[in-house]
Amino acid sequence: MSREKRLQPVLKLAEGKVDEASRALGYLNQKIEQEAQTKEQLKVYEKEYLQLMRGGEEPGRKMDIQAVLRYQSFIQRLELAQVQQDEQIELLQRQKAQVTEHWIKTRARAKGLESIIEAARKEEEILAGRKEQKLADEYTSNRYAHKS
């Protein structure tokens, strides 16, 4: 079995790892986008509730103390949720950086294996060419020796 053929399964494994890392990157990108959208939605809610607390459509409207406290409590929870979203996004971005680094390394390994396989294929072609040339030379010299 040629060296090229022996290395093919190793290359397939390496390419599988690259694909796996690519899928993980895609998942993390999607997750980061979802978390960013959630954070934006929280900002919108906060803005809407602050506007309601300030009187919204009825600027002269009066609120009792309990309503004000409920609004303030809800606004604080929205702010806390936004902080938590920021932390989640930051965590996902760190994970993405690690997965990106892993993807780069696995892709480099796969490219290196591809290069090794290509070099082995070329070497085998050269050896096969030399073998053919040697056989042709022997055939020619045998024919010449027979004619003499």
C-alpha atoms as a PDB file:
ATOM      1  CA  MET A   1       0.000   0.000   0.000  1.00  0.00           C
ATOM      2  CA  SER A   2       1.375   3.375  -0.956  1.00  0.00           C
ATOM      3  CA  ARG A   3       2.248   5.984   1.632  1.00  0.00           C
ATOM      4  CA  GLU A   4      -0.366   8.287   0.107  1.00  0.00           C
ATOM      5  CA  LYS A   5      -3.123   5.700   0.609  1.00  0.00           C
ATOM      6  CA  ARG A   6      -1.970   4.952   4.164  1.00  0.00           C
ATOM      7  CA  LEU A   7      -2.215   8.651   5.054  1.00  0.00           C
ATOM      8  CA  GLN A   8      -5.713   9.161   3.595  1.00  0.00           C
ATOM      9  CA  PRO A   9      -7.563   7.908   6.723  1.00  0.00           C
ATOM     10  CA  VAL A  10      -5.468  10.242   8.885  1.00  0.00           C
ATOM     11  CA  LEU A  11      -6.367  13.130   6.582  1.00  0.00           C
ATOM     12  CA  LYS A  12     -10.064  12.208   6.760  1.00  0.00           C
ATOM     13  CA  LEU A  13      -9.889  12.286  10.566  1.00  0.00           C
ATOM     14  CA  ALA A  14      -8.141  15.666  10.495  1.00  0.00           C
ATOM     15  CA  GLU A  15     -10.724  17.060   8.075  1.00  0.00           C
ATOM     16  CA  GLY A  16     -13.480  15.712  10.347  1.00  0.00           C
ATOM     17  CA  LYS A  17     -11.997  17.655  13.249  1.00  0.00           C
ATOM     18  CA  VAL A  18     -11.845  20.796  11.107  1.00  0.00           C
ATOM     19  CA  ASP A  19     -15.515  20.339  10.182  1.00  0.00           C
ATOM     20  CA  GLU A  20     -16.416  19.803  13.834  1.00  0.00           C
ATOM     21  CA  ALA A  21     -14.600  22.999  14.834  1.00  0.00           C
ATOM     22  CA  SER A  22     -16.326  24.861  11.984  1.00  0.00           C
ATOM     23  CA  ARG A  23     -19.737  23.707  13.212  1.00  0.00           C
ATOM     24  CA  ALA A  24     -18.837  24.799  16.754  1.00  0.00           C
ATOM     25  CA  LEU A  25     -17.841  28.231  15.452  1.00  0.00           C
ATOM     26  CA  GLY A  26     -21.103  28.510  13.548  1.00  0.00           C
ATOM     27  CA  TYR A  27     -23.062  27.556  16.647  1.00  0.00           C
ATOM     28  CA  LEU A  28     -21.207  30.098  18.792  1.00  0.00           C
ATOM     29  CA  ASN A  29     -21.710  32.862  16.220  1.00  0.00           C
ATOM     30  CA  GLN A  30     -25.418  32.085  16.148  1.00  0.00           C
ATOM     31  CA  LYS A  31     -25.606  31.965  19.953  1.00  0.00           C
ATOM     32  CA  ILE A  32     -23.769  35.298  20.292  1.00  0.00           C
ATOM     33  CA  GLU A  33     -26.190  36.861  17.815  1.00  0.00           C
ATOM     34  CA  GLN A  34     -29.192  35.497  19.753  1.00  0.00           C
ATOM     35  CA  GLU A  35     -27.829  36.785  23.062  1.00  0.00           C
ATOM     36  CA  ALA A  36     -27.146  40.214  21.528  1.00  0.00           C
ATOM     37  CA  GLN A  37     -30.731  40.320  20.239  1.00  0.00           C
ATOM     38  CA  THR A  38     -32.014  39.385  23.687  1.00  0.00           C
ATOM     39  CA  LYS A  39     -29.958  42.198  25.212  1.00  0.00           C
ATOM     40  CA  GLU A  40     -31.352  44.670  22.679  1.00  0.00           C
ATOM     41  CA  GLN A  41     -34.871  43.524  23.504  1.00  0.00           C
ATOM     42  CA  LEU A  42     -34.178  44.104  27.192  1.00  0.00           C
ATOM     43  CA  LYS A  43     -33.023  47.641  26.376  1.00  0.00           C
ATOM     44  CA  VAL A  44     -36.247  48.244  24.461  1.00  0.00           C
ATOM     45  CA  TYR A  45     -38.319  46.964  27.399  1.00  0.00           C
ATOM     46  CA  GLU A  46     -36.394  49.169  29.785  1.00  0.00           C
ATOM     47  CA  LYS A  47     -36.944  52.224  27.607  1.00  0.00           C
ATOM     48  CA  GLU A  48     -40.671  51.451  27.305  1.00  0.00           C
ATOM     49  CA  TYR A  49     -41.093  50.967  31.038  1.00  0.00           C
ATOM     50  CA  LEU A  50     -39.125  54.111  31.872  1.00  0.00           C
ATOM     51  CA  GLN A  51     -41.394  56.010  29.528  1.00  0.00           C
ATOM     52  CA  LEU A  52     -44.465  54.489  31.218  1.00  0.00           C
ATOM     53  CA  MET A  53     -43.061  55.354  34.631  1.00  0.00           C
ATOM     54  CA  ARG A  54     -42.599  58.971  33.565  1.00  0.00           C
ATOM     55  CA  GLY A  55     -46.234  59.179  32.544  1.00  0.00           C
ATOM     56  CA  GLY A  56     -46.061  57.808  29.016  1.00  0.00           C
ATOM     57  CA  GLU A  57     -48.973  59.020  26.967  1.00  0.00           C
ATOM     58  CA  GLU A  58     -50.445  60.891  29.945  1.00  0.00           C
ATOM     59  CA  PRO A  59     -47.745  63.283  31.170  1.00  0.00           C
ATOM     60  CA  GLY A  60     -49.783  64.634  34.104  1.00  0.00           C
ATOM     61  CA  ARG A  61     -50.791  61.181  35.342  1.00  0.00           C
ATOM     62  CA  LYS A  62     -50.038  60.453  38.956  1.00  0.00           C
ATOM     63  CA  MET A  63     -48.821  57.085  40.239  1.00  0.00           C
ATOM     64  CA  ASP A  64     -49.131  55.810  43.760  1.00  0.00           C
ATOM     65  CA  ILE A  65     -45.965  54.863  45.617  1.00  0.00           C
ATOM     66  CA  GLN A  66     -46.567  51.129  45.183  1.00  0.00           C
ATOM     67  CA  ALA A  67     -46.735  51.492  41.384  1.00  0.00           C
ATOM     68  CA  VAL A  68     -43.538  53.555  41.364  1.00  0.00           C
ATOM     69  CA  LEU A  69     -41.777  50.954  43.505  1.00  0.00           C
ATOM     70  CA  ARG A  70     -42.968  48.147  41.219  1.00  0.00           C
ATOM     71  CA  TYR A  71     -41.728  50.018  38.158  1.00  0.00           C
ATOM     72  CA  GLN A  72     -38.382  50.731  39.815  1.00  0.00           C
ATOM     73  CA  SER A  73     -38.042  47.113  40.862  1.00  0.00           C
ATOM     74  CA  PHE A  74     -38.831  45.932  37.362  1.00  0.00           C
ATOM     75  CA  ILE A  75     -36.362  48.418  35.827  1.00  0.00           C
ATOM     76  CA  GLN A  76     -33.668  47.163  38.214  1.00  0.00           C
ATOM     77  CA  ARG A  77     -34.375  43.578  37.158  1.00  0.00           C
ATOM     78  CA  LEU A  78     -34.143  44.617  33.505  1.00  0.00           C
ATOM     79  CA  GLU A  79     -30.806  46.315  34.196  1.00  0.00           C
ATOM     80  CA  LEU A  80     -29.549  43.222  36.020  1.00  0.00           C
ATOM     81  CA  ALA A  81     -30.690  41.043  33.120  1.00  0.00           C
ATOM     82  CA  GLN A  82     -28.745  43.289  30.728  1.00  0.00           C
ATOM     83  CA  VAL A  83     -25.608  42.925  32.850  1.00  0.00           C
ATOM     84  CA  GLN A  84     -26.104  39.165  32.831  1.00  0.00           C
ATOM     85  CA  GLN A  85     -26.549  39.261  29.046  1.00  0.00           C
ATOM     86  CA  ASP A  86     -23.283  41.198  28.747  1.00  0.00           C
ATOM     87  CA  GLU A  87     -21.544  38.545  30.848  1.00  0.00           C
ATOM     88  CA  GLN A  88     -23.077  35.751  28.757  1.00  0.00           C
ATOM     89  CA  ILE A  89     -22.008  37.436  25.507  1.00  0.00           C
ATOM     90  CA  GLU A  90     -18.493  37.949  26.902  1.00  0.00           C
ATOM     91  CA  LEU A  91     -18.304  34.282  27.929  1.00  0.00           C
ATOM     92  CA  LEU A  92     -19.465  33.162  24.485  1.00  0.00           C
ATOM     93  CA  GLN A  93     -16.929  35.444  22.810  1.00  0.00           C
ATOM     94  CA  ARG A  94     -14.128  33.929  24.915  1.00  0.00           C
ATOM     95  CA  GLN A  95     -15.339  30.461  23.942  1.00  0.00           C
ATOM     96  CA  LYS A  96     -15.452  31.571  20.314  1.00  0.00           C
ATOM     97  CA  ALA A  97     -11.846  32.779  20.550  1.00  0.00           C
ATOM     98  CA  GLN A  98     -10.789  29.385  21.924  1.00  0.00           C
ATOM     99  CA  VAL A  99     -12.731  27.487  19.269  1.00  0.00           C
ATOM    100  CA  THR A 100     -11.306  29.761  16.561  1.00  0.00           C
ATOM    101  CA  GLU A 101      -7.800  28.990  17.800  1.00  0.00           C
ATOM    102  CA  HIS A 102      -8.644  25.275  17.811  1.00  0.00           C
ATOM    103  CA  TRP A 103     -10.064  25.558  14.276  1.00  0.00           C
ATOM    104  CA  ILE A 104      -6.916  27.325  13.065  1.00  0.00           C
ATOM    105  CA  LYS A 105      -4.699  24.599  14.555  1.00  0.00           C
ATOM    106  CA  THR A 106      -6.805  21.719  13.211  1.00  0.00           C
ATOM    107  CA  ARG A 107      -6.968  23.349   9.777  1.00  0.00           C
ATOM    108  CA  ALA A 108      -3.190  23.812   9.790  1.00  0.00           C
ATOM    109  CA  ARG A 109      -2.732  20.135  10.674  1.00  0.00           C
ATOM    110  CA  ALA A 110      -5.057  19.088   7.868  1.00  0.00           C
ATOM    111  CA  LYS A 111      -3.222  21.358   5.410  1.00  0.00           C
ATOM    112  CA  GLY A 112       0.087  19.896   6.602  1.00  0.00           C
ATOM    113  CA  LEU A 113      -1.207  16.369   6.020  1.00  0.00           C
ATOM    114  CA  GLU A 114      -2.431  17.383   2.578  1.00  0.00           C
ATOM    115  CA  SER A 115       1.072  18.661   1.805  1.00  0.00           C
ATOM    116  CA  ILE A 116       2.665  15.458   3.075  1.00  0.00           C
ATOM    117  CA  ILE A 117       0.267  13.354   0.996  1.00  0.00           C
ATOM    118  CA  GLU A 118       0.936  15.463  -2.083  1.00  0.00           C
ATOM    119  CA  ALA A 119       4.696  15.134  -1.549  1.00  0.00           C
ATOM    120  CA  ALA A 120       4.315  11.353  -1.116  1.00  0.00           C
ATOM    121  CA  ARG A 121       2.240  11.176  -4.311  1.00  0.00           C
ATOM    122  CA  LYS A 122       4.863  13.135  -6.258  1.00  0.00           C
ATOM    123  CA  GLU A 123       7.663  11.000  -4.813  1.00  0.00           C
ATOM    124  CA  GLU A 124       5.795   7.835  -5.825  1.00  0.00           C
ATOM    125  CA  GLU A 125       5.289   9.253  -9.330  1.00  0.00           C
ATOM    126  CA  ILE A 126       8.995  10.018  -9.601  1.00  0.00           C
ATOM    127  CA  LEU A 127       9.929   6.544  -8.376  1.00  0.00           C
ATOM    128  CA  ALA A 128       7.444   4.961 -10.791  1.00  0.00           C
ATOM    129  CA  GLY A 129       8.897   7.047 -13.615  1.00  0.00           C
ATOM    130  CA  ARG A 130      12.425   5.990 -12.710  1.00  0.00           C
ATOM    131  CA  LYS A 131      11.330   2.361 -12.542  1.00  0.00           C
ATOM    132  CA  GLU A 132       9.719   2.637 -15.983  1.00  0.00           C
ATOM    133  CA  GLN A 133      12.819   4.318 -17.345  1.00  0.00           C
ATOM    134  CA  LYS A 134      15.034   1.612 -15.864  1.00  0.00           C
ATOM    135  CA  LEU A 135      12.861  -1.123 -17.406  1.00  0.00           C
ATOM    136  CA  ALA A 136      12.902   0.668 -20.754  1.00  0.00           C
ATOM    137  CA  ASP A 137      16.686   1.031 -20.554  1.00  0.00           C
ATOM    138  CA  GLU A 138      17.092  -2.652 -19.670  1.00  0.00           C
ATOM    139  CA  TYR A 139      14.778  -3.662 -22.496  1.00  0.00           C
ATOM    140  CA  THR A 140      16.689  -1.504 -24.953  1.00  0.00           C
ATOM    141  CA  SER A 141      20.066  -2.758 -23.782  1.00  0.00           C
ATOM    142  CA  ASN A 142      18.825  -6.397 -23.912  1.00  0.00           C
ATOM    143  CA  ARG A 143      17.550  -5.846 -27.464  1.00  0.00           C
ATOM    144  CA  TYR A 144      20.852  -4.217 -28.425  1.00  0.00           C
ATOM    145  CA  ALA A 145      22.798  -7.062 -26.811  1.00  0.00           C
ATOM    146  CA  HIS A 146      20.686  -9.635 -28.713  1.00  0.00           C
ATOM    147  CA  LYS A 147      21.304  -7.912 -32.038  1.00  0.00           C
ATOM    148  CA  SER A 148      25.059  -7.792 -31.520  1.00  0.00           C
END
